[in-house]
Amino acid sequence: MPAVASFIRLPKEELKELASAVGGDDPQGLAEFLAANGTSVVEFEEDGDIFSVLLPVLADDYDIDLETSENALIADLAEATDALVFILTQADQKKYLEQLDPDNFSAEELGEAHADFTEDEEAGAGEAMLAGIAALHQAMQEVDADHAVVVSVT
């Protein structure tokens, strides 16, 4: 079953509550908290597992590090859930919005980066990674001084 990537715009004051919601015994705590307190800002149709390759490729090959955030919350979320979770902040937006313009990337180049990273050529991987970049770019535009976007892949 493909992994689902969600992009939820959340008021920044809710970020503190997010860690405690995730830290409980309920494995659905993250999804339930985000659904109750945030707004979905991107529809991502591809397999969300692509982000497990896309994020390291962006960091290593393009100097776009979205997994290191100003929020210490990231480490807490990573420990509390099996999901890939990261938060797009206004600092990320200022650093990376222009770099994440999908026009700066090609599906062919991304497919090669995917093959280098996974040591396996997968048909459609470049297109999926490009769709992931487009989703990140769109989500990044939803960030402001009072809101962050929580990206989770479950």
Protein backbone atom coordinates (compact mmCIF):
# COMPACT_ATOMS: atom_id res chain seq x y z
CA MET A 1 0.00 0.00 0.00
CA PRO A 2 1.46 3.37 -0.94
CA ALA A 3 2.39 5.81 1.79
CA VAL A 4 0.30 8.94 2.08
CA ALA A 5 1.98 12.34 2.29
CA SER A 6 -0.03 15.10 3.91
CA PHE A 7 0.74 18.80 4.01
CA ILE A 8 -1.10 20.49 6.87
CA ARG A 9 -0.95 24.23 7.58
CA LEU A 10 -0.97 24.68 11.33
CA PRO A 11 -0.91 27.79 13.53
CA LYS A 12 2.55 28.04 15.07
CA GLU A 13 1.13 28.15 18.59
CA GLU A 14 -0.26 24.63 17.97
CA LEU A 15 3.23 23.19 17.35
CA LYS A 16 3.85 22.78 21.10
CA GLU A 17 0.63 20.76 21.39
CA LEU A 18 1.65 18.61 18.43
CA ALA A 19 4.47 16.89 20.30
CA SER A 20 2.23 15.91 23.20
CA ALA A 21 -0.50 14.69 20.82
CA VAL A 22 2.02 12.47 19.08
CA GLY A 23 3.65 11.30 22.31
CA GLY A 24 0.60 9.40 23.57
CA ASP A 25 -0.24 5.73 23.07
CA ASP A 26 -2.50 6.39 20.08
CA PRO A 27 -0.68 5.66 16.79
CA GLN A 28 -3.24 7.90 15.05
CA GLY A 29 -2.46 10.83 17.39
CA LEU A 30 -0.52 12.77 14.78
CA ALA A 31 -3.13 12.43 12.04
CA GLU A 32 -5.99 13.19 14.41
CA PHE A 33 -4.28 16.28 15.83
CA LEU A 34 -3.44 17.64 12.39
CA ALA A 35 -6.97 17.00 11.10
CA ALA A 36 -8.51 18.75 14.10
CA ASN A 37 -6.18 21.76 14.20
CA GLY A 38 -4.84 22.32 10.70
CA THR A 39 -5.82 22.73 7.09
CA SER A 40 -4.64 20.57 4.21
CA VAL A 41 -2.84 22.76 1.66
CA VAL A 42 -1.55 20.27 -0.92
CA GLU A 43 -3.04 17.19 -2.55
CA PHE A 44 -0.19 14.76 -3.26
CA GLU A 45 -1.24 11.82 -5.44
CA GLU A 46 2.10 9.98 -5.66
CA ASP A 47 3.44 7.43 -3.17
CA GLY A 48 4.64 9.43 -0.18
CA ASP A 49 7.62 7.10 0.22
CA ILE A 50 9.32 9.18 -2.48
CA PHE A 51 10.14 11.74 0.23
CA SER A 52 12.49 9.25 1.94
CA VAL A 53 14.69 9.58 -1.14
CA LEU A 54 13.82 13.12 -2.19
CA LEU A 55 14.76 14.80 1.10
CA PRO A 56 18.31 13.40 1.27
CA VAL A 57 18.82 14.06 -2.46
CA LEU A 58 17.72 17.68 -2.03
CA ALA A 59 20.06 18.07 0.96
CA ASP A 60 23.09 16.36 -0.61
CA ASP A 61 22.81 17.40 -4.26
CA TYR A 62 21.04 20.78 -4.06
CA ASP A 63 21.90 22.10 -0.58
CA ILE A 64 18.20 22.25 0.36
CA ASP A 65 17.96 20.79 3.86
CA LEU A 66 14.32 20.57 4.92
CA GLU A 67 14.87 18.06 7.70
CA THR A 68 16.85 20.45 9.87
CA SER A 69 14.44 22.97 11.29
CA GLU A 70 14.51 25.72 13.84
CA ASN A 71 12.02 23.61 15.78
CA ALA A 72 13.49 21.21 18.31
CA LEU A 73 10.10 19.57 17.93
CA ILE A 74 11.34 17.61 14.92
CA ALA A 75 13.45 15.26 17.05
CA ASP A 76 10.54 14.69 19.43
CA LEU A 77 8.20 13.88 16.55
CA ALA A 78 10.70 11.52 14.94
CA GLU A 79 11.05 9.61 18.21
CA ALA A 80 7.33 9.50 18.94
CA THR A 81 6.10 8.23 15.58
CA ASP A 82 7.16 5.89 12.82
CA ALA A 83 6.09 8.47 10.26
CA LEU A 84 8.47 10.72 8.38
CA VAL A 85 7.58 14.16 9.74
CA PHE A 86 9.12 17.54 9.06
CA ILE A 87 7.99 21.11 9.47
CA LEU A 88 8.27 23.87 6.89
CA THR A 89 8.85 27.18 8.65
CA GLN A 90 9.17 30.78 7.58
CA ALA A 91 12.96 30.43 7.89
CA ASP A 92 12.80 27.51 5.42
CA GLN A 93 10.60 29.59 3.13
CA LYS A 94 13.11 32.45 3.06
CA LYS A 95 16.01 30.08 2.38
CA TYR A 96 14.48 27.63 -0.07
CA LEU A 97 11.30 28.88 -1.78
CA GLU A 98 13.05 30.07 -4.95
CA GLN A 99 15.35 27.03 -5.03
CA LEU A 100 12.34 24.69 -4.83
CA ASP A 101 10.71 26.11 -7.96
CA PRO A 102 9.90 22.95 -9.97
CA ASP A 103 11.17 24.71 -13.10
CA ASN A 104 14.69 24.43 -11.61
CA PHE A 105 14.57 20.62 -11.88
CA SER A 106 14.11 18.00 -14.57
CA ALA A 107 12.48 14.61 -14.15
CA GLU A 108 15.43 13.02 -15.96
CA GLU A 109 18.00 14.56 -13.60
CA LEU A 110 15.92 13.61 -10.57
CA GLY A 111 15.50 10.06 -11.88
CA GLU A 112 19.28 9.75 -12.11
CA ALA A 113 19.66 11.12 -8.57
CA HIS A 114 17.06 8.59 -7.37
CA ALA A 115 18.94 5.75 -9.07
CA ASP A 116 22.25 6.92 -7.54
CA PHE A 117 20.70 7.11 -4.09
CA THR A 118 18.80 3.81 -4.15
CA GLU A 119 21.20 1.95 -6.46
CA ASP A 120 18.12 0.88 -8.39
CA GLU A 121 16.54 2.33 -11.52
CA GLU A 122 12.82 2.73 -10.98
CA ALA A 123 10.52 3.78 -13.81
CA GLY A 124 8.74 7.03 -13.03
CA ALA A 125 10.95 7.91 -10.05
CA GLY A 126 12.07 11.20 -11.59
CA GLU A 127 8.49 12.25 -12.25
CA ALA A 128 7.48 11.28 -8.70
CA MET A 129 10.38 13.27 -7.25
CA LEU A 130 9.46 16.27 -9.42
CA ALA A 131 5.87 16.00 -8.14
CA GLY A 132 7.29 15.96 -4.60
CA ILE A 133 9.26 19.13 -5.29
CA ALA A 134 6.15 20.80 -6.72
CA ALA A 135 4.21 19.81 -3.58
CA LEU A 136 6.96 21.16 -1.31
CA HIS A 137 7.08 24.40 -3.30
CA GLN A 138 3.31 24.80 -3.07
CA ALA A 139 3.29 24.02 0.67
CA MET A 140 6.16 26.44 1.29
CA GLN A 141 4.01 29.24 -0.13
CA GLU A 142 1.45 28.60 2.65
CA VAL A 143 3.94 29.38 5.43
CA ASP A 144 3.85 32.79 7.10
CA ALA A 145 4.80 34.43 10.40
CA ASP A 146 1.90 32.75 12.20
CA HIS A 147 1.73 29.38 10.40
CA ALA A 148 3.98 26.44 9.58
CA VAL A 149 3.25 23.46 7.36
CA VAL A 150 3.65 20.01 8.88
CA VAL A 151 4.52 17.37 6.30
CA SER A 152 3.92 13.79 7.35
CA VAL A 153 4.31 10.57 5.43
CA THR A 154 2.45 7.59 6.86
